[in-house]
Amino acid sequence: MEKYTLRSKDGAYAEILTQGAHLCHWRTAQGKTPIFLSSRSEMREAAAVRGGVPVIFPQFSDHGPLPKHGFARTALWRFCEMRETPEGLAQARFELRESLATLRIWPHVFRAEILFSIVGEYLQMDLTVDNAGDGALQFCCALHTYLQVEEIAQTTIEGLAGLSYRDTVLGFTAVQAVEALKIETEIDRIYAAITDPILVQCGGQKLQVSQSGFSDAVIWNPGTEKAAQMADMEAQGEQRMLCVEAAAINQAIVLAPGATWTGTQKLFA
């Protein structure tokens, strides 16, 4: 599969596939590898990659008539440019526009762009959507980021206390009471009104995840039983991964003709 390699002068490194504009590897300047990628991921045309950062657009999961998670994660994006900013950020930009295939299932004229920026221990991803048509455009989206953790049972997630969430595994809504969330079994929660950074810790490993533009965050791990049913999940892979996704799900983004929306996720390792 075609991919581009992004490097900053301080040694940070990322690999991005043109299919899905999918970031599949990120190594920080200090050699940390915060992103999980299953060794059984199907690296072939039209197949979703298990791990990395899938771009979810214009539908989240099966919340609508489109294929699960929409079409962006398996579409071929166009590489636009690679550059270095005056601040030392190494950046790569990709774009996706409507095609005959997308118009058949989602009749909208649009332009989506994702900009990756790396330096040091830092990764930023900016997803932008332009309404290039003459009618209103409505969509949901997410950056389905797979984080690599040392051991899921020893991992804690902070920054979600007091927030309302929808538990899609157990089918209820609640407010999180505990300061530090622990993962003990399958979890699939959509948290609303995210404002503070989310801190993922496991032993001496710490990763801070923040977002803007995206109103929601998804915390997901398939658990042992469901992971065993995934042909593209490596053995015991669920023990070493946690998805922390910046998302717009509970309230769809609505763009008037000519309008633009941008959502950002930042990771600091």
Protein backbone atom coordinates (compact mmCIF):
# COMPACT_ATOMS: atom_id res chain seq x y z
CA MET A 1 0.00 0.00 0.00
CA GLU A 2 1.25 3.47 -0.83
CA LYS A 3 2.52 5.38 2.19
CA TYR A 4 4.41 8.55 3.02
CA THR A 5 7.05 8.94 5.70
CA LEU A 6 7.08 12.12 7.76
CA ARG A 7 10.22 13.06 9.76
CA SER A 8 11.06 16.03 11.92
CA LYS A 9 14.62 17.28 12.39
CA ASP A 10 14.69 16.02 15.98
CA GLY A 11 13.98 12.42 14.87
CA ALA A 12 10.21 12.12 15.32
CA TYR A 13 8.76 9.86 12.64
CA ALA A 14 5.34 8.89 11.26
CA GLU A 15 4.02 6.74 8.42
CA ILE A 16 0.74 7.58 6.69
CA LEU A 17 -1.09 5.43 4.14
CA THR A 18 -2.86 7.17 1.26
CA GLN A 19 -5.72 4.71 1.77
CA GLY A 20 -7.76 6.36 4.48
CA ALA A 21 -5.05 9.01 5.10
CA HIS A 22 -4.33 6.49 7.82
CA LEU A 23 -1.52 7.16 10.28
CA CYS A 24 -0.20 3.68 11.07
CA HIS A 25 3.09 4.43 12.88
CA TRP A 26 4.35 7.22 15.14
CA ARG A 27 7.71 7.21 16.89
CA THR A 28 8.61 10.19 19.06
CA ALA A 29 12.02 11.88 19.09
CA GLN A 30 12.83 9.92 22.26
CA GLY A 31 11.89 6.62 20.62
CA LYS A 32 8.46 6.06 22.21
CA THR A 33 5.85 4.29 20.08
CA PRO A 34 2.46 5.42 21.45
CA ILE A 35 0.29 4.05 18.61
CA PHE A 36 -0.94 0.44 18.48
CA LEU A 37 -1.07 -1.42 15.16
CA SER A 38 -2.13 -5.06 15.04
CA SER A 39 0.35 -7.33 13.27
CA ARG A 40 -2.69 -9.01 11.66
CA SER A 41 -4.05 -5.81 10.09
CA GLU A 42 -5.17 -6.33 6.51
CA MET A 43 -2.98 -4.07 4.41
CA ARG A 44 -5.02 -4.30 1.22
CA GLU A 45 -7.32 -2.18 -0.87
CA ALA A 46 -10.74 -1.39 0.63
CA ALA A 47 -9.92 -3.15 3.93
CA ALA A 48 -9.98 -1.21 7.20
CA VAL A 49 -6.71 -1.23 9.15
CA ARG A 50 -6.83 -2.52 12.73
CA GLY A 51 -4.88 0.09 14.63
CA GLY A 52 -3.22 3.41 13.94
CA VAL A 53 -5.65 6.30 13.45
CA PRO A 54 -8.60 5.51 11.16
CA VAL A 55 -10.42 8.63 9.94
CA ILE A 56 -14.15 8.12 10.53
CA PHE A 57 -16.37 10.17 8.18
CA PRO A 58 -19.19 10.94 7.40
CA GLN A 59 -20.87 8.40 9.71
CA PHE A 60 -19.86 6.97 13.05
CA SER A 61 -20.23 3.20 13.53
CA ASP A 62 -23.61 1.96 12.28
CA HIS A 63 -25.47 5.14 13.31
CA GLY A 64 -26.93 5.67 9.84
CA PRO A 65 -27.46 4.07 6.42
CA LEU A 66 -23.84 4.12 5.23
CA PRO A 67 -21.26 1.34 5.65
CA LYS A 68 -19.93 1.12 9.21
CA HIS A 69 -17.81 4.20 10.04
CA GLY A 70 -18.52 5.72 6.63
CA PHE A 71 -16.23 5.57 3.62
CA ALA A 72 -13.24 7.81 4.42
CA ARG A 73 -11.17 5.16 6.21
CA THR A 74 -10.97 2.96 3.09
CA ALA A 75 -11.04 5.68 0.42
CA LEU A 76 -7.93 6.74 -1.46
CA TRP A 77 -6.89 10.20 -0.28
CA ARG A 78 -4.67 12.52 -2.33
CA PHE A 79 -1.29 13.46 -0.91
CA CYS A 80 -0.99 17.26 -1.09
CA GLU A 81 2.30 18.29 0.48
CA MET A 82 4.97 17.75 3.10
CA ARG A 83 6.63 20.73 4.75
CA GLU A 84 8.42 22.03 7.83
CA THR A 85 7.08 25.04 9.73
CA PRO A 86 9.26 27.81 11.22
CA GLU A 87 8.56 26.24 14.63
CA GLY A 88 10.10 22.94 13.50
CA LEU A 89 6.89 20.98 13.00
CA ALA A 90 7.05 18.38 10.23
CA GLN A 91 3.68 18.33 8.48
CA ALA A 92 1.91 16.20 5.89
CA ARG A 93 -1.43 17.07 4.33
CA PHE A 94 -3.93 14.82 2.52
CA GLU A 95 -7.35 15.53 1.01
CA LEU A 96 -10.48 13.65 -0.04
CA ARG A 97 -13.25 14.88 -2.33
CA GLU A 98 -16.52 13.40 -3.49
CA SER A 99 -16.39 10.78 -6.22
CA LEU A 100 -18.91 8.81 -8.23
CA ALA A 101 -18.68 6.08 -5.62
CA THR A 102 -19.36 8.41 -2.67
CA LEU A 103 -22.13 10.30 -4.48
CA ARG A 104 -24.03 7.07 -5.00
CA ILE A 105 -24.35 6.53 -1.24
CA TRP A 106 -23.92 10.07 0.14
CA PRO A 107 -25.06 12.76 -2.32
CA HIS A 108 -22.91 15.66 -1.14
CA VAL A 109 -20.10 17.70 -2.67
CA PHE A 110 -17.35 18.14 -0.08
CA ARG A 111 -13.67 18.48 0.58
CA ALA A 112 -12.06 16.79 3.59
CA GLU A 113 -8.48 17.45 4.63
CA ILE A 114 -6.28 16.01 7.35
CA LEU A 115 -3.06 17.65 8.46
CA PHE A 116 -0.53 15.66 10.51
CA SER A 117 2.07 17.57 12.54
CA ILE A 118 4.90 15.97 14.55
CA VAL A 119 7.86 17.18 16.58
CA GLY A 120 9.53 15.84 19.70
CA GLU A 121 6.99 13.88 21.74
CA TYR A 122 4.03 15.59 20.10
CA LEU A 123 1.49 14.63 17.42
CA GLN A 124 -1.35 16.82 16.20
CA MET A 125 -4.06 15.83 13.74
CA ASP A 126 -6.41 18.43 12.24
CA LEU A 127 -9.45 17.16 10.32
CA THR A 128 -11.19 19.82 8.21
CA VAL A 129 -14.40 19.47 6.20
CA ASP A 130 -15.62 22.03 3.64
CA ASN A 131 -19.13 22.06 2.24
CA ALA A 132 -18.47 22.63 -1.46
CA GLY A 133 -22.08 22.06 -2.50
CA ASP A 134 -25.14 24.29 -2.67
CA GLY A 135 -27.13 22.56 0.07
CA ALA A 136 -26.64 21.89 3.78
CA LEU A 137 -24.25 19.09 4.69
CA GLN A 138 -24.54 16.99 7.86
CA PHE A 139 -22.05 14.43 9.15
CA CYS A 140 -20.51 12.70 12.15
CA CYS A 141 -16.82 11.91 12.41
CA ALA A 142 -13.98 10.72 14.63
CA LEU A 143 -10.26 10.16 14.82
CA HIS A 144 -10.34 6.52 15.96
CA THR A 145 -6.94 6.64 17.68
CA TYR A 146 -5.49 3.33 18.93
CA LEU A 147 -3.05 3.90 21.80
CA GLN A 148 -0.45 1.33 22.78
CA VAL A 149 -0.38 0.54 26.50
CA GLU A 150 1.84 -1.82 28.46
CA GLU A 151 -1.06 -3.70 30.09
CA ILE A 152 -4.72 -2.74 29.83
CA ALA A 153 -5.55 -4.05 33.32
CA GLN A 154 -2.98 -1.67 34.81
CA THR A 155 -4.08 1.33 32.75
CA THR A 156 -5.98 4.28 34.21
CA ILE A 157 -7.77 7.09 32.36
CA GLU A 158 -8.21 10.48 34.02
CA GLY A 159 -10.01 13.62 32.90
CA LEU A 160 -13.51 12.17 32.45
CA ALA A 161 -14.89 12.48 35.99
CA GLY A 162 -18.23 14.27 36.15
CA LEU A 163 -18.97 13.78 32.46
CA SER A 164 -22.08 12.14 31.06
CA TYR A 165 -21.50 9.05 28.92
CA ARG A 166 -23.45 6.53 26.91
CA ASP A 167 -22.41 2.91 27.48
CA THR A 168 -23.12 1.14 24.19
CA VAL A 169 -22.14 -2.28 25.57
CA LEU A 170 -24.59 -2.27 28.49
CA GLY A 171 -27.11 0.14 26.97
CA PHE A 172 -27.42 2.89 29.59
CA THR A 173 -26.36 6.48 30.20
CA ALA A 174 -24.66 7.70 33.37
CA VAL A 175 -22.26 10.23 34.83
CA GLN A 176 -18.75 9.06 35.63
CA ALA A 177 -18.12 9.30 39.36
CA VAL A 178 -14.60 7.90 39.66
CA GLU A 179 -11.58 10.10 39.02
CA ALA A 180 -9.50 7.32 37.43
CA LEU A 181 -11.28 4.93 35.10
CA LYS A 182 -9.90 1.37 34.90
CA ILE A 183 -10.61 -1.09 32.11
CA GLU A 184 -11.70 -4.48 33.46
CA THR A 185 -13.69 -5.87 30.54
CA GLU A 186 -15.08 -4.79 27.17
CA ILE A 187 -15.78 -1.05 27.15
CA ASP A 188 -17.42 1.19 24.56
CA ARG A 189 -18.42 4.57 25.94
CA ILE A 190 -19.23 7.88 24.28
CA TYR A 191 -18.43 10.79 26.61
CA ALA A 192 -20.04 14.18 25.94
CA ALA A 193 -18.86 17.77 26.36
CA ILE A 194 -15.13 17.11 26.49
CA THR A 195 -13.14 20.14 27.64
CA ASP A 196 -10.15 18.90 29.66
CA PRO A 197 -7.21 16.76 28.48
CA ILE A 198 -7.48 13.01 28.98
CA LEU A 199 -4.51 11.40 30.72
CA VAL A 200 -3.74 7.73 30.02
CA GLN A 201 -1.29 6.14 32.48
CA CYS A 202 0.17 2.66 32.83
CA GLY A 203 3.10 2.24 35.19
CA GLY A 204 5.65 4.83 34.17
CA GLN A 205 3.95 5.37 30.81
CA LYS A 206 1.94 8.58 30.43
CA LEU A 207 0.11 9.98 27.42
CA GLN A 208 -1.95 13.15 27.34
CA VAL A 209 -4.74 13.45 24.78
CA SER A 210 -6.55 16.74 24.15
CA GLN A 211 -9.02 17.88 21.55
CA SER A 212 -10.88 20.88 20.17
CA GLY A 213 -13.71 21.13 17.69
CA PHE A 214 -14.75 17.58 18.55
CA SER A 215 -17.38 17.62 21.32
CA ASP A 216 -17.24 13.92 22.27
CA ALA A 217 -14.67 11.28 23.12
CA VAL A 218 -14.95 7.51 22.75
CA ILE A 219 -13.18 5.07 25.07
CA TRP A 220 -13.04 1.60 23.54
CA ASN A 221 -11.45 -1.76 24.14
CA PRO A 222 -13.07 -4.91 22.72
CA GLY A 223 -12.28 -7.14 25.69
CA THR A 224 -10.89 -10.66 25.47
CA GLU A 225 -13.99 -12.44 24.14
CA LYS A 226 -14.77 -10.02 21.32
CA ALA A 227 -11.09 -9.58 20.38
CA ALA A 228 -10.79 -13.34 19.88
CA GLN A 229 -13.46 -13.05 17.17
CA MET A 230 -11.53 -10.38 15.25
CA ALA A 231 -9.45 -11.98 12.52
CA ASP A 232 -7.28 -8.86 12.24
CA MET A 233 -6.52 -8.52 15.97
CA GLU A 234 -3.25 -10.13 17.00
CA ALA A 235 -3.20 -12.60 19.89
CA GLN A 236 -3.63 -10.75 23.20
CA GLY A 237 -3.60 -7.48 21.27
CA GLU A 238 -6.54 -6.17 23.28
CA GLN A 239 -4.30 -6.33 26.36
CA ARG A 240 -1.96 -3.77 24.80
CA MET A 241 -4.35 -1.25 23.23
CA LEU A 242 -6.89 1.37 24.16
CA CYS A 243 -8.81 3.61 21.80
CA VAL A 244 -9.24 7.24 22.87
CA GLU A 245 -11.15 8.84 20.02
CA ALA A 246 -11.88 12.51 19.41
CA ALA A 247 -15.38 12.49 17.94
CA ALA A 248 -18.52 14.36 16.93
CA ILE A 249 -21.31 11.84 17.46
CA ASN A 250 -24.02 13.00 19.86
CA GLN A 251 -24.67 16.13 17.82
CA ALA A 252 -23.95 15.96 14.10
CA ILE A 253 -21.96 18.73 12.45
CA VAL A 254 -24.15 20.77 10.08
CA LEU A 255 -22.46 22.98 7.48
CA ALA A 256 -24.16 25.57 5.33
CA PRO A 257 -22.95 25.90 1.72
CA GLY A 258 -19.39 27.26 1.75
CA ALA A 259 -18.92 26.65 5.48
CA THR A 260 -15.94 24.88 7.06
CA TRP A 261 -15.45 22.84 10.25
CA THR A 262 -12.20 21.72 11.87
CA GLY A 263 -11.59 19.21 14.67
CA THR A 264 -8.21 18.67 16.31
CA GLN A 265 -6.68 15.92 18.41
CA LYS A 266 -3.29 16.38 20.13
CA LEU A 267 -1.17 13.63 21.69
CA PHE A 268 1.77 14.32 23.97
CA ALA A 269 3.90 11.38 25.07
